[in-house]
Protein backbone atom coordinates (compact mmCIF):
# COMPACT_ATOMS: atom_id res chain seq x y z
CA MET A 1 -68.93 100.44 59.53
CA THR A 2 -68.69 98.32 62.65
CA THR A 3 -66.27 98.82 65.44
CA GLU A 4 -64.46 95.69 64.42
CA LEU A 5 -63.87 96.97 60.91
CA ILE A 6 -62.65 100.31 62.27
CA PHE A 7 -60.20 98.29 64.45
CA ILE A 8 -59.05 96.20 61.51
CA TRP A 9 -58.50 99.29 59.21
CA THR A 10 -56.65 101.20 61.93
CA ILE A 11 -54.31 98.53 63.16
CA SER A 12 -53.67 97.13 59.59
CA THR A 13 -52.77 100.53 58.26
CA ALA A 14 -50.65 101.38 61.36
CA VAL A 15 -48.58 98.27 60.99
CA LEU A 16 -48.53 97.49 57.24
CA LEU A 17 -47.93 100.96 55.75
CA PRO A 18 -44.66 101.60 57.72
CA SER A 19 -43.65 98.00 57.11
CA ALA A 20 -44.16 98.45 53.38
CA VAL A 21 -42.12 101.67 53.28
CA ILE A 22 -39.30 100.34 55.36
CA ASP A 23 -39.16 97.03 53.53
CA ALA A 24 -39.13 98.84 50.12
CA ARG A 25 -36.10 100.86 51.22
CA THR A 26 -34.14 98.34 53.36
CA HIS A 27 -35.51 94.83 52.67
CA ARG A 28 -36.12 94.57 56.43
CA ILE A 29 -39.30 94.79 58.52
CA PRO A 30 -38.67 95.92 62.14
CA ASN A 31 -39.83 93.44 64.78
CA PHE A 32 -41.68 96.19 66.72
CA LEU A 33 -44.03 96.43 63.75
CA SER A 34 -44.50 92.73 62.84
CA ILE A 35 -44.31 91.12 66.27
CA GLY A 36 -45.65 94.13 68.22
CA GLY A 37 -48.53 94.56 65.79
CA SER A 38 -49.33 90.83 66.01
CA PHE A 39 -49.41 90.85 69.87
CA LEU A 40 -51.59 93.92 69.77
CA ALA A 41 -53.98 92.45 67.23
CA VAL A 42 -54.32 89.18 69.15
CA ALA A 43 -54.78 91.02 72.47
CA LEU A 44 -57.48 93.32 71.03
CA ARG A 45 -59.26 90.40 69.43
CA PHE A 46 -59.48 88.66 72.81
CA LEU A 47 -60.27 91.79 74.76
CA PHE A 48 -62.90 93.39 72.61
CA PHE A 49 -64.14 90.99 69.93
CA MET A 50 -64.90 87.76 71.79
CA ASP A 51 -68.20 87.41 69.92
CA ASN A 52 -66.38 86.95 66.60
CA SER A 53 -64.31 83.88 67.55
CA PRO A 54 -60.82 85.25 68.40
CA ILE A 55 -59.58 81.60 68.62
CA LEU A 56 -60.38 81.18 64.91
CA PHE A 57 -58.44 84.35 64.05
CA LEU A 58 -55.54 83.12 66.10
CA ALA A 59 -55.70 79.78 64.29
CA ALA A 60 -55.76 81.71 61.03
CA GLY A 61 -52.61 83.50 62.15
CA ILE A 62 -50.85 80.25 62.94
CA TYR A 63 -52.04 78.82 59.54
CA GLY A 64 -50.65 81.93 57.71
CA LEU A 65 -47.37 81.75 59.58
CA ALA A 66 -46.98 78.03 58.93
CA LEU A 67 -47.70 78.29 55.22
CA PHE A 68 -45.24 81.14 54.76
CA LEU A 69 -42.60 79.18 56.70
CA LEU A 70 -43.20 76.23 54.43
CA VAL A 71 -42.76 78.42 51.40
CA GLU A 72 -39.57 79.79 52.85
CA ARG A 73 -38.25 76.36 53.44
CA VAL A 74 -39.20 74.96 50.02
CA PHE A 75 -37.88 77.87 48.08
CA ARG A 76 -34.89 78.75 50.28
CA ASN A 77 -34.33 82.41 51.07
CA ARG A 78 -37.01 83.69 48.66
CA LEU A 79 -39.21 84.98 51.49
CA GLY A 80 -37.87 87.00 54.35
CA PHE A 81 -38.76 86.26 57.95
CA GLY A 82 -40.34 89.71 58.26
CA ASP A 83 -42.81 88.74 55.58
CA ILE A 84 -43.50 85.50 57.41
CA LYS A 85 -44.28 87.44 60.62
CA LEU A 86 -46.45 89.89 58.64
CA SER A 87 -48.42 86.92 57.29
CA PHE A 88 -49.33 85.99 60.89
CA PHE A 89 -50.49 89.59 61.58
CA ILE A 90 -52.59 89.76 58.37
CA ALA A 91 -54.26 86.48 59.11
CA VAL A 92 -55.07 87.48 62.67
CA CYS A 93 -56.60 90.75 61.42
CA LEU A 94 -58.41 89.44 58.31
CA GLY A 95 -59.10 85.79 59.06
CA PHE A 96 -58.71 82.86 56.67
CA TRP A 97 -60.58 84.31 53.67
CA GLY A 98 -58.94 87.78 53.97
CA TRP A 99 -55.52 86.16 54.28
CA HIS A 100 -56.03 84.00 51.22
CA ILE A 101 -57.19 86.99 49.16
CA THR A 102 -54.28 89.06 50.41
CA VAL A 103 -51.68 86.43 49.63
CA PHE A 104 -53.13 85.74 46.18
CA THR A 105 -53.29 89.46 45.34
CA ALA A 106 -49.85 90.20 46.71
CA SER A 107 -48.30 87.23 44.81
CA LEU A 108 -50.01 88.21 41.61
CA SER A 109 -49.02 91.86 41.88
CA GLY A 110 -45.48 90.95 42.92
CA ILE A 111 -45.05 88.64 39.82
CA ILE A 112 -46.38 91.28 37.49
CA MET A 113 -44.02 93.98 38.88
CA TYR A 114 -41.10 91.48 38.86
CA ILE A 115 -41.73 90.92 35.16
CA LEU A 116 -42.32 94.56 34.33
CA LYS A 117 -39.18 95.72 36.12
CA LYS A 118 -37.20 93.03 34.27
CA LYS A 119 -35.24 92.10 37.39
CA PRO A 120 -32.42 89.60 36.94
CA LYS A 121 -33.18 86.06 37.94
CA GLY A 122 -32.60 85.44 41.64
CA SER A 123 -32.83 89.11 42.66
CA ARG A 124 -34.74 89.92 45.82
CA LEU A 125 -38.12 91.70 45.82
CA ALA A 126 -39.47 93.53 48.85
CA PHE A 127 -42.76 91.74 49.43
CA ALA A 128 -44.29 93.89 52.27
CA PRO A 129 -45.42 96.64 49.84
CA TYR A 130 -47.38 94.03 47.92
CA LEU A 131 -48.84 92.61 51.10
CA PHE A 132 -49.92 96.13 52.07
CA PHE A 133 -51.60 96.75 48.73
CA ALA A 134 -53.27 93.38 48.81
CA ALA A 135 -54.44 93.79 52.43
CA VAL A 136 -56.12 97.03 51.49
CA VAL A 137 -57.89 95.24 48.55
CA SER A 138 -58.97 92.54 51.05
CA LEU A 139 -60.15 95.14 53.50
CA PHE A 140 -62.33 96.79 50.87
CA LEU A 141 -63.84 93.45 50.00
CA ILE A 142 -64.54 92.72 53.70
CA THR A 143 -65.85 96.22 54.37
CA PHE A 144 -68.37 96.09 51.49
CA ASN A 145 -69.41 92.50 52.39
CA ILE A 146 -68.02 90.96 49.24
CA VAL A 147 -66.03 88.59 51.50
CA PRO A 148 -67.27 87.64 54.93
CA LEU A 149 -65.13 88.68 57.94
CA PRO A 150 -65.98 85.77 60.25
CA VAL A 151 -63.27 83.22 59.68
C-alpha cells in the first residue's frame, strides 16, 4: 500500500466516520469535520502528493461541491449543506472516479434503506452514513486497483 493510499484511508476514516455517526443522530455534520477535513486534505495533497496532480483533485472537489449544490437547488432541502461539504472532501480525497462511485453507491444504498424502512414521503434521511459506507467501498476498489486513483 502506498503512502498516498494510507493518507487517504486515514483522513477519510477520521472525517467520515464521526460525520456519519453525528449525522445519524442529529442530522447535522459539524463544520470542523467537513470544512476542517477538506482544508487538511487539500493542504496535504499540495504538500506531499504533488506528483499525483493535486490541482486535479481540487478540481474534483469543486466539481463534487457544485453537483451537490445543484442537486440541493433542484430538489429543495433534500440534501443538507453538511452533505454538500462532505462531497467536496470525498472528491478531494478520492478524485473524480472515486467520487462518482461513492455518490452512486451512497445513493443506491440510501434509496434501498429508505424503501426498507418505509419512511413517510418527504421525511429526511441522514446521508452521511451512506456516504461513509460508499467511500469505504470506493477505497477498497482504489486500494486493489479496480478503479484508478489518478483523477
